[in-house]
Amino acid sequence: MARRMSSTGLNRASIWEAGVFAVAMLSLTACAVFSGDEEPAGTASKGGSKPSASATAKRGPTYGAPSEWTEPKRWAVLPRNQRVDTHGNKVDWPQSTDGAEAMLVAANSTAVEGDRTSVDVQLGIYESYISQTDHSEVNAEKIELAAIQTVKQLRTKMGLAAGSDLPAGAYVRSQVIGFKVIEESPGEVSAWLLARATTKSGEMDKEKGSYTRSLGAAVWEDGDWKLSTAATRTALQQVSGQEKPPIAAPGDEAFNTGGWTAIREAS
């Protein structure tokens, strides 16, 4: 017989299931934060206005992987980085489309667990991957405040005291598992990113997950690929009016019909 979860456990699990999306997708919507749009990714715009840049990320709350495996038609072994910077992030990618994709994967594959907070993760992304044209004290503060606010909301809903640690064994992770190139050139690459976000609310709790689709854009700057507000806005224009690829995991036939490329780990 399946173990019956208490109402407290159910509430905590549902909170984390909802919270994982906001935390994991914050790096994907940094450019929207810079422009003053701090609406959580995937939410509807208020007042019937047009969706914002941060709404280009979408999750599939009811998606379930099919029981039968369909081999992905497209696989990519993305290149390795040349070094790790002082923030512990992978940098120095080759100037190629695959190099840009590798940076986008690295920048958007995150883990908040142990003593590594979402503030640490997001400020690290800002320092390592955001274009220098978007660097300013104001933008750094926006990133930090957005991350702090997300943590505060999670703590409040979980009934934790302000400033307290998250439960032992809890984590929030996001891993990019596929991509679809939109436009590519030697200096700029845009693509759809498919990621799996997972969360665990404590050592004895079951891991929960959801899939997300988002827009990524990279520019070649000072010998490396970077995320930029300008490139993101260009990417939004490129996909305007187009059908978005379906949210479907590798092994689902819809993954192939949607034009996704699966990512194979380099040996």
Foldseek 3Di string as FASTA:
>chain_A
DDDDDDPLRVLLVVLQQVLLQQLLCLLQCLLVLLVVDLPGACDDDPPPDDDDQSPQKHWDPPDDADPFFDAAPFEDAADAADDADPLRFGWQFDQDQSSQVVLVQRLRWDKDDDPRASLSSQLSSCVGFADPVSDDPVSSVSSNVSRLVSVVVSCVSSVHDPPDDQEAPWMKTKGFWKWAWQDDDSFKTKIKTKIKIWIARYDPGDIDIIIMIHIFMWGQDPRTIHGYSVRSVVVCVSCVPHDQQDRHDNRHVSCRVSRIYGYDYDD
